[in-house]
C-alpha atoms as a PDB file:
ATOM      1  CA  UNK A   1      15.369  -4.454  10.692  1.00  0.00           C
ATOM      2  CA  UNK A   2      11.669  -4.996  11.639  1.00  0.00           C
ATOM      3  CA  UNK A   3      12.255  -2.656  14.358  1.00  0.00           C
ATOM      4  CA  UNK A   4      13.684  -0.011  12.136  1.00  0.00           C
ATOM      5  CA  UNK A   5      11.202  -0.257   9.846  1.00  0.00           C
ATOM      6  CA  UNK A   6       8.169   0.161  12.406  1.00  0.00           C
ATOM      7  CA  UNK A   7      10.162   2.817  13.938  1.00  0.00           C
ATOM      8  CA  UNK A   8      10.043   4.908  10.501  1.00  0.00           C
ATOM      9  CA  UNK A   9       6.680   3.521   9.905  1.00  0.00           C
ATOM     10  CA  UNK A  10       5.543   5.510  13.272  1.00  0.00           C
ATOM     11  CA  UNK A  11       7.600   8.783  12.285  1.00  0.00           C
ATOM     12  CA  UNK A  12       6.208   9.077   9.018  1.00  0.00           C
ATOM     13  CA  UNK A  13       2.569   8.388  10.299  1.00  0.00           C
ATOM     14  CA  UNK A  14       3.132  11.123  13.459  1.00  0.00           C
ATOM     15  CA  UNK A  15       4.830  13.786  11.077  1.00  0.00           C
ATOM     16  CA  UNK A  16       1.855  13.483   8.333  1.00  0.00           C
ATOM     17  CA  UNK A  17      -1.109  13.320  10.721  1.00  0.00           C
ATOM     18  CA  UNK A  18      -1.016  16.746  11.950  1.00  0.00           C
ATOM     19  CA  UNK A  19      -3.442  18.932  10.018  1.00  0.00           C
ATOM     20  CA  UNK A  20      -1.235  21.900   8.783  1.00  0.00           C
ATOM     21  CA  UNK A  21      -1.347  23.633   5.567  1.00  0.00           C
ATOM     22  CA  UNK A  22      -0.518  20.463   3.631  1.00  0.00           C
ATOM     23  CA  UNK A  23      -3.336  18.798   4.939  1.00  0.00           C
ATOM     24  CA  UNK A  24      -5.635  21.717   4.056  1.00  0.00           C
ATOM     25  CA  UNK A  25      -4.171  21.574   0.369  1.00  0.00           C
ATOM     26  CA  UNK A  26      -4.562  18.088   0.181  1.00  0.00           C
ATOM     27  CA  UNK A  27      -8.379  18.186   1.337  1.00  0.00           C
ATOM     28  CA  UNK A  28      -9.078  20.953  -1.051  1.00  0.00           C
ATOM     29  CA  UNK A  29      -7.439  19.426  -4.167  1.00  0.00           C
ATOM     30  CA  UNK A  30      -9.122  15.881  -3.280  1.00  0.00           C
ATOM     31  CA  UNK A  31     -12.536  17.634  -3.067  1.00  0.00           C
ATOM     32  CA  UNK A  32     -12.003  20.096  -5.867  1.00  0.00           C
ATOM     33  CA  UNK A  33     -10.015  18.207  -8.391  1.00  0.00           C
ATOM     34  CA  UNK A  34     -10.438  14.566  -7.564  1.00  0.00           C
ATOM     35  CA  UNK A  35      -8.555  11.478  -6.499  1.00  0.00           C
ATOM     36  CA  UNK A  36      -5.705  11.805  -8.671  1.00  0.00           C
ATOM     37  CA  UNK A  37      -4.847  15.573  -7.448  1.00  0.00           C
ATOM     38  CA  UNK A  38      -5.655  14.676  -3.992  1.00  0.00           C
ATOM     39  CA  UNK A  39      -3.463  11.435  -4.068  1.00  0.00           C
ATOM     40  CA  UNK A  40      -0.221  13.310  -6.093  1.00  0.00           C
ATOM     41  CA  UNK A  41      -0.691  16.227  -3.312  1.00  0.00           C
ATOM     42  CA  UNK A  42      -0.243  13.274  -0.505  1.00  0.00           C
ATOM     43  CA  UNK A  43       2.397  11.413  -2.159  1.00  0.00           C
ATOM     44  CA  UNK A  44       4.318  14.507  -2.666  1.00  0.00           C
ATOM     45  CA  UNK A  45       4.341  15.249   0.957  1.00  0.00           C
ATOM     46  CA  UNK A  46       5.223  11.436   1.506  1.00  0.00           C
ATOM     47  CA  UNK A  47       8.008  11.744  -0.914  1.00  0.00           C
ATOM     48  CA  UNK A  48       9.338  14.666   0.705  1.00  0.00           C
ATOM     49  CA  UNK A  49       9.347  12.871   4.545  1.00  0.00           C
ATOM     50  CA  UNK A  50      10.913   9.898   2.686  1.00  0.00           C
ATOM     51  CA  UNK A  51      13.623  12.334   1.491  1.00  0.00           C
ATOM     52  CA  UNK A  52      14.493  13.557   4.819  1.00  0.00           C
ATOM     53  CA  UNK A  53      14.558   9.974   6.402  1.00  0.00           C
ATOM     54  CA  UNK A  54      17.031   9.111   3.583  1.00  0.00           C
ATOM     55  CA  UNK A  55      19.366  11.949   4.835  1.00  0.00           C
ATOM     56  CA  UNK A  56      19.174  10.663   8.053  1.00  0.00           C
ATOM     57  CA  UNK A  57      19.771   6.983   7.069  1.00  0.00           C
ATOM     58  CA  UNK A  58      22.725   8.140   5.172  1.00  0.00           C
ATOM     59  CA  UNK A  59      24.276   9.627   8.312  1.00  0.00           C
ATOM     60  CA  UNK A  60      23.560  13.348   7.483  1.00  0.00           C
ATOM     61  CA  UNK A  61      23.179  15.551  10.672  1.00  0.00           C
ATOM     62  CA  UNK A  62      19.430  15.798  10.471  1.00  0.00           C
ATOM     63  CA  UNK A  63      19.209  18.645  13.148  1.00  0.00           C
ATOM     64  CA  UNK A  64      22.443  20.745  12.161  1.00  0.00           C
ATOM     65  CA  UNK A  65      21.387  20.644   8.695  1.00  0.00           C
ATOM     66  CA  UNK A  66      17.975  21.575   9.105  1.00  0.00           C
ATOM     67  CA  UNK A  67      18.639  24.277  11.500  1.00  0.00           C
ATOM     68  CA  UNK A  68      21.355  25.763   9.465  1.00  0.00           C
ATOM     69  CA  UNK A  69      18.896  26.629   6.560  1.00  0.00           C
ATOM     70  CA  UNK A  70      15.646  26.630   8.661  1.00  0.00           C
ATOM     71  CA  UNK A  71      15.048  30.327   8.135  1.00  0.00           C
ATOM     72  CA  UNK A  72      15.581  30.779   4.360  1.00  0.00           C
ATOM     73  CA  UNK A  73      13.263  27.754   3.784  1.00  0.00           C
ATOM     74  CA  UNK A  74      10.716  28.620   5.964  1.00  0.00           C
ATOM     75  CA  UNK A  75      10.789  31.917   4.056  1.00  0.00           C
ATOM     76  CA  UNK A  76      10.427  30.517   0.795  1.00  0.00           C
ATOM     77  CA  UNK A  77       7.881  27.858   2.489  1.00  0.00           C
ATOM     78  CA  UNK A  78       5.698  30.603   3.585  1.00  0.00           C
ATOM     79  CA  UNK A  79       5.926  32.634   0.140  1.00  0.00           C
ATOM     80  CA  UNK A  80       4.659  29.386  -1.433  1.00  0.00           C
ATOM     81  CA  UNK A  81       1.638  28.578   0.784  1.00  0.00           C
ATOM     82  CA  UNK A  82       0.744  32.129   0.488  1.00  0.00           C
ATOM     83  CA  UNK A  83       0.636  31.893  -3.352  1.00  0.00           C
ATOM     84  CA  UNK A  84      -1.203  28.694  -3.469  1.00  0.00           C
ATOM     85  CA  UNK A  85      -3.785  30.338  -0.886  1.00  0.00           C
ATOM     86  CA  UNK A  86      -4.251  33.389  -3.558  1.00  0.00           C
ATOM     87  CA  UNK A  87      -4.487  30.843  -6.088  1.00  0.00           C
ATOM     88  CA  UNK A  88      -7.200  29.049  -4.049  1.00  0.00           C
ATOM     89  CA  UNK A  89      -9.147  32.088  -3.285  1.00  0.00           C
ATOM     90  CA  UNK A  90      -9.664  32.990  -7.234  1.00  0.00           C
ATOM     91  CA  UNK A  91     -11.706  29.932  -7.440  1.00  0.00           C
ATOM     92  CA  UNK A  92     -14.291  31.675  -4.992  1.00  0.00           C
ATOM     93  CA  UNK A  93     -14.454  34.908  -7.171  1.00  0.00           C
ATOM     94  CA  UNK A  94     -14.370  33.237 -10.468  1.00  0.00           C
ATOM     95  CA  UNK A  95     -17.355  32.087 -12.346  1.00  0.00           C
ATOM     96  CA  UNK A  96     -16.583  28.449 -13.095  1.00  0.00           C
ATOM     97  CA  UNK A  97     -19.091  27.720 -15.868  1.00  0.00           C
ATOM     98  CA  UNK A  98     -17.729  24.557 -17.221  1.00  0.00           C
ATOM     99  CA  UNK A  99     -15.126  23.741 -14.515  1.00  0.00           C
ATOM    100  CA  UNK A 100     -12.093  23.951 -16.623  1.00  0.00           C
ATOM    101  CA  UNK A 101      -9.272  21.992 -15.282  1.00  0.00           C
ATOM    102  CA  UNK A 102      -5.778  21.575 -16.585  1.00  0.00           C
ATOM    103  CA  UNK A 103      -4.997  18.448 -18.590  1.00  0.00           C
ATOM    104  CA  UNK A 104      -4.612  15.255 -15.972  1.00  0.00           C
ATOM    105  CA  UNK A 105      -0.807  14.550 -16.245  1.00  0.00           C
ATOM    106  CA  UNK A 106      -0.174  18.311 -15.773  1.00  0.00           C
ATOM    107  CA  UNK A 107      -2.322  18.599 -13.109  1.00  0.00           C
ATOM    108  CA  UNK A 108      -0.994  15.644 -11.305  1.00  0.00           C
ATOM    109  CA  UNK A 109       2.699  16.555 -11.767  1.00  0.00           C
ATOM    110  CA  UNK A 110       2.151  19.859 -10.708  1.00  0.00           C
ATOM    111  CA  UNK A 111       0.299  18.911  -7.446  1.00  0.00           C
ATOM    112  CA  UNK A 112       2.906  16.367  -6.729  1.00  0.00           C
ATOM    113  CA  UNK A 113       5.920  18.639  -7.400  1.00  0.00           C
ATOM    114  CA  UNK A 114       4.424  21.821  -5.450  1.00  0.00           C
ATOM    115  CA  UNK A 115       3.607  19.473  -2.318  1.00  0.00           C
ATOM    116  CA  UNK A 116       7.030  17.902  -2.494  1.00  0.00           C
ATOM    117  CA  UNK A 117       8.630  21.026  -2.379  1.00  0.00           C
ATOM    118  CA  UNK A 118       6.260  22.801   0.089  1.00  0.00           C
ATOM    119  CA  UNK A 119       6.925  19.907   2.440  1.00  0.00           C
ATOM    120  CA  UNK A 120      10.468  20.189   2.324  1.00  0.00           C
ATOM    121  CA  UNK A 121      10.632  23.673   3.046  1.00  0.00           C
ATOM    122  CA  UNK A 122       7.882  23.612   5.750  1.00  0.00           C
ATOM    123  CA  UNK A 123       9.140  24.773   9.137  1.00  0.00           C
ATOM    124  CA  UNK A 124       7.115  22.050  10.738  1.00  0.00           C
ATOM    125  CA  UNK A 125       8.516  19.259   8.922  1.00  0.00           C
ATOM    126  CA  UNK A 126      11.744  20.706   9.585  1.00  0.00           C
ATOM    127  CA  UNK A 127      11.336  20.684  13.022  1.00  0.00           C
ATOM    128  CA  UNK A 128       9.329  17.428  13.643  1.00  0.00           C
ATOM    129  CA  UNK A 129      12.426  15.375  11.613  1.00  0.00           C
ATOM    130  CA  UNK A 130      14.898  17.232  13.704  1.00  0.00           C
ATOM    131  CA  UNK A 131      13.406  16.332  17.040  1.00  0.00           C
ATOM    132  CA  UNK A 132      11.693  12.655  16.099  1.00  0.00           C
ATOM    133  CA  UNK A 133      14.241  11.264  13.946  1.00  0.00           C
ATOM    134  CA  UNK A 134      17.535  12.202  16.195  1.00  0.00           C
ATOM    135  CA  UNK A 135      18.039   8.486  17.616  1.00  0.00           C
ATOM    136  CA  UNK A 136      16.545   6.474  14.274  1.00  0.00           C
ATOM    137  CA  UNK A 137      20.227   7.291  12.208  1.00  0.00           C
ATOM    138  CA  UNK A 138      22.403   5.525  14.938  1.00  0.00           C
ATOM    139  CA  UNK A 139      19.933   2.837  15.308  1.00  0.00           C
ATOM    140  CA  UNK A 140      19.966   1.996  11.398  1.00  0.00           C
ATOM    141  CA  UNK A 141      23.559   2.335  10.858  1.00  0.00           C
ATOM    142  CA  UNK A 142      24.549  -0.712  13.253  1.00  0.00           C
ATOM    143  CA  UNK A 143      22.568  -2.987  10.920  1.00  0.00           C
ATOM    144  CA  UNK A 144      23.140  -4.045   7.315  1.00  0.00           C
ATOM    145  CA  UNK A 145      20.207  -2.097   4.610  1.00  0.00           C
ATOM    146  CA  UNK A 146      18.621  -1.100   8.032  1.00  0.00           C
ATOM    147  CA  UNK A 147      18.916   2.695   6.237  1.00  0.00           C
ATOM    148  CA  UNK A 148      16.727   1.391   3.351  1.00  0.00           C
ATOM    149  CA  UNK A 149      14.042  -0.319   5.662  1.00  0.00           C
ATOM    150  CA  UNK A 150      13.708   3.277   7.592  1.00  0.00           C
ATOM    151  CA  UNK A 151      13.302   5.042   4.587  1.00  0.00           C
ATOM    152  CA  UNK A 152      10.626   2.907   3.276  1.00  0.00           C
ATOM    153  CA  UNK A 153       8.827   3.090   6.457  1.00  0.00           C
ATOM    154  CA  UNK A 154       9.087   6.858   6.601  1.00  0.00           C
ATOM    155  CA  UNK A 155       7.665   6.807   3.479  1.00  0.00           C
ATOM    156  CA  UNK A 156       4.676   4.336   3.697  1.00  0.00           C
ATOM    157  CA  UNK A 157       3.496   5.385   7.020  1.00  0.00           C
ATOM    158  CA  UNK A 158       3.348   9.116   5.702  1.00  0.00           C
ATOM    159  CA  UNK A 159       1.557   7.580   2.314  1.00  0.00           C
ATOM    160  CA  UNK A 160      -0.852   5.821   4.394  1.00  0.00           C
ATOM    161  CA  UNK A 161      -2.207   8.795   6.248  1.00  0.00           C
ATOM    162  CA  UNK A 162      -2.415  10.746   3.165  1.00  0.00           C
ATOM    163  CA  UNK A 163      -4.434   7.848   1.592  1.00  0.00           C
ATOM    164  CA  UNK A 164      -6.706   8.107   4.540  1.00  0.00           C
ATOM    165  CA  UNK A 165      -7.158  11.813   4.287  1.00  0.00           C
ATOM    166  CA  UNK A 166      -7.863  11.835   0.443  1.00  0.00           C
ATOM    167  CA  UNK A 167     -10.704   9.240   0.887  1.00  0.00           C
ATOM    168  CA  UNK A 168     -12.051  10.707   3.719  1.00  0.00           C
ATOM    169  CA  UNK A 169     -12.368  13.913   1.952  1.00  0.00           C
ATOM    170  CA  UNK A 170     -13.992  12.383  -1.207  1.00  0.00           C
ATOM    171  CA  UNK A 171     -16.475  10.655   1.225  1.00  0.00           C
ATOM    172  CA  UNK A 172     -17.265  13.941   2.311  1.00  0.00           C
ATOM    173  CA  UNK A 173     -17.263  15.471  -1.016  1.00  0.00           C
ATOM    174  CA  UNK A 174     -20.091  12.860  -2.147  1.00  0.00           C
ATOM    175  CA  UNK A 175     -22.477  14.218   0.793  1.00  0.00           C
ATOM    176  CA  UNK A 176     -22.463  17.872   0.117  1.00  0.00           C
ATOM    177  CA  UNK A 177     -24.053  20.017  -2.403  1.00  0.00           C
ATOM    178  CA  UNK A 178     -22.118  21.226  -5.577  1.00  0.00           C
ATOM    179  CA  UNK A 179     -22.200  24.913  -4.325  1.00  0.00           C
ATOM    180  CA  UNK A 180     -20.611  24.198  -1.047  1.00  0.00           C
ATOM    181  CA  UNK A 181     -17.205  23.596  -3.038  1.00  0.00           C
ATOM    182  CA  UNK A 182     -16.835  27.190  -3.992  1.00  0.00           C
ATOM    183  CA  UNK A 183     -16.984  27.941  -0.020  1.00  0.00           C
ATOM    184  CA  UNK A 184     -14.052  25.280   0.420  1.00  0.00           C
ATOM    185  CA  UNK A 185     -12.228  27.493  -1.965  1.00  0.00           C
ATOM    186  CA  UNK A 186     -12.723  30.415   0.308  1.00  0.00           C
ATOM    187  CA  UNK A 187     -12.200  28.712   3.610  1.00  0.00           C
ATOM    188  CA  UNK A 188      -8.854  26.574   2.441  1.00  0.00           C
ATOM    189  CA  UNK A 189      -7.523  29.796   0.582  1.00  0.00           C
ATOM    190  CA  UNK A 190      -8.127  32.110   3.597  1.00  0.00           C
ATOM    191  CA  UNK A 191      -5.988  29.574   5.928  1.00  0.00           C
ATOM    192  CA  UNK A 192      -2.961  28.823   3.306  1.00  0.00           C
ATOM    193  CA  UNK A 193      -2.847  32.587   2.523  1.00  0.00           C
ATOM    194  CA  UNK A 194      -2.839  33.713   6.363  1.00  0.00           C
ATOM    195  CA  UNK A 195      -0.671  30.925   7.159  1.00  0.00           C
ATOM    196  CA  UNK A 196       1.761  31.318   4.434  1.00  0.00           C
ATOM    197  CA  UNK A 197       2.112  35.005   5.522  1.00  0.00           C
ATOM    198  CA  UNK A 198       2.705  34.392   9.030  1.00  0.00           C
ATOM    199  CA  UNK A 199       5.289  31.513   8.340  1.00  0.00           C
ATOM    200  CA  UNK A 200       7.120  34.445   5.834  1.00  0.00           C
ATOM    201  CA  UNK A 201       6.946  37.542   8.229  1.00  0.00           C
ATOM    202  CA  UNK A 202       7.872  34.981  11.057  1.00  0.00           C
ATOM    203  CA  UNK A 203      11.132  33.895   9.015  1.00  0.00           C
ATOM    204  CA  UNK A 204      11.901  37.735   8.281  1.00  0.00           C
ATOM    205  CA  UNK A 205      11.804  38.747  11.836  1.00  0.00           C
ATOM    206  CA  UNK A 206      14.000  36.108  12.793  1.00  0.00           C
ATOM    207  CA  UNK A 207      11.078  34.106  14.869  1.00  0.00           C
END
């Protein structure tokens, strides 16, 4: 039981840790919008990782299911990443006299929801789960309630990484000048837009 939980914890950490488009988005939201938006972004990604873990624990063939729908999911994910990038770039070009933010509940729910969907459709997440979690389904099947420990481990491992990343971004924000935040929008927006377009083009070309 503990062995399955620890394996799930390791998988959650290993999949979340590489800084891809989700990491860039989490850093940008943490710095520009605060702790709540950053944590909502991270936990949205962790919830998506937990969803994939649940599919595997329930006996769904991860590699077959994810490979079958990888191309349309990559296209959707790429377009969503590009759209988020363009929205982020608007922050660089716009004059922000009063920092007019959305109401907290709407902002937090939106941050969670977009990241959850984006992580589910992210081809890097799909490939990571298809490769890394292949043997865990069988090990979880032999022990009562092991599936729940597996999913809990994946979620907590992923959530732990996002918790660390959010607070690292907040630590950095406290040490940079306010006008540097606008340049963060330019850097993050450019990365997200380019990354999203690349993923979408790759899906449309069959690569």
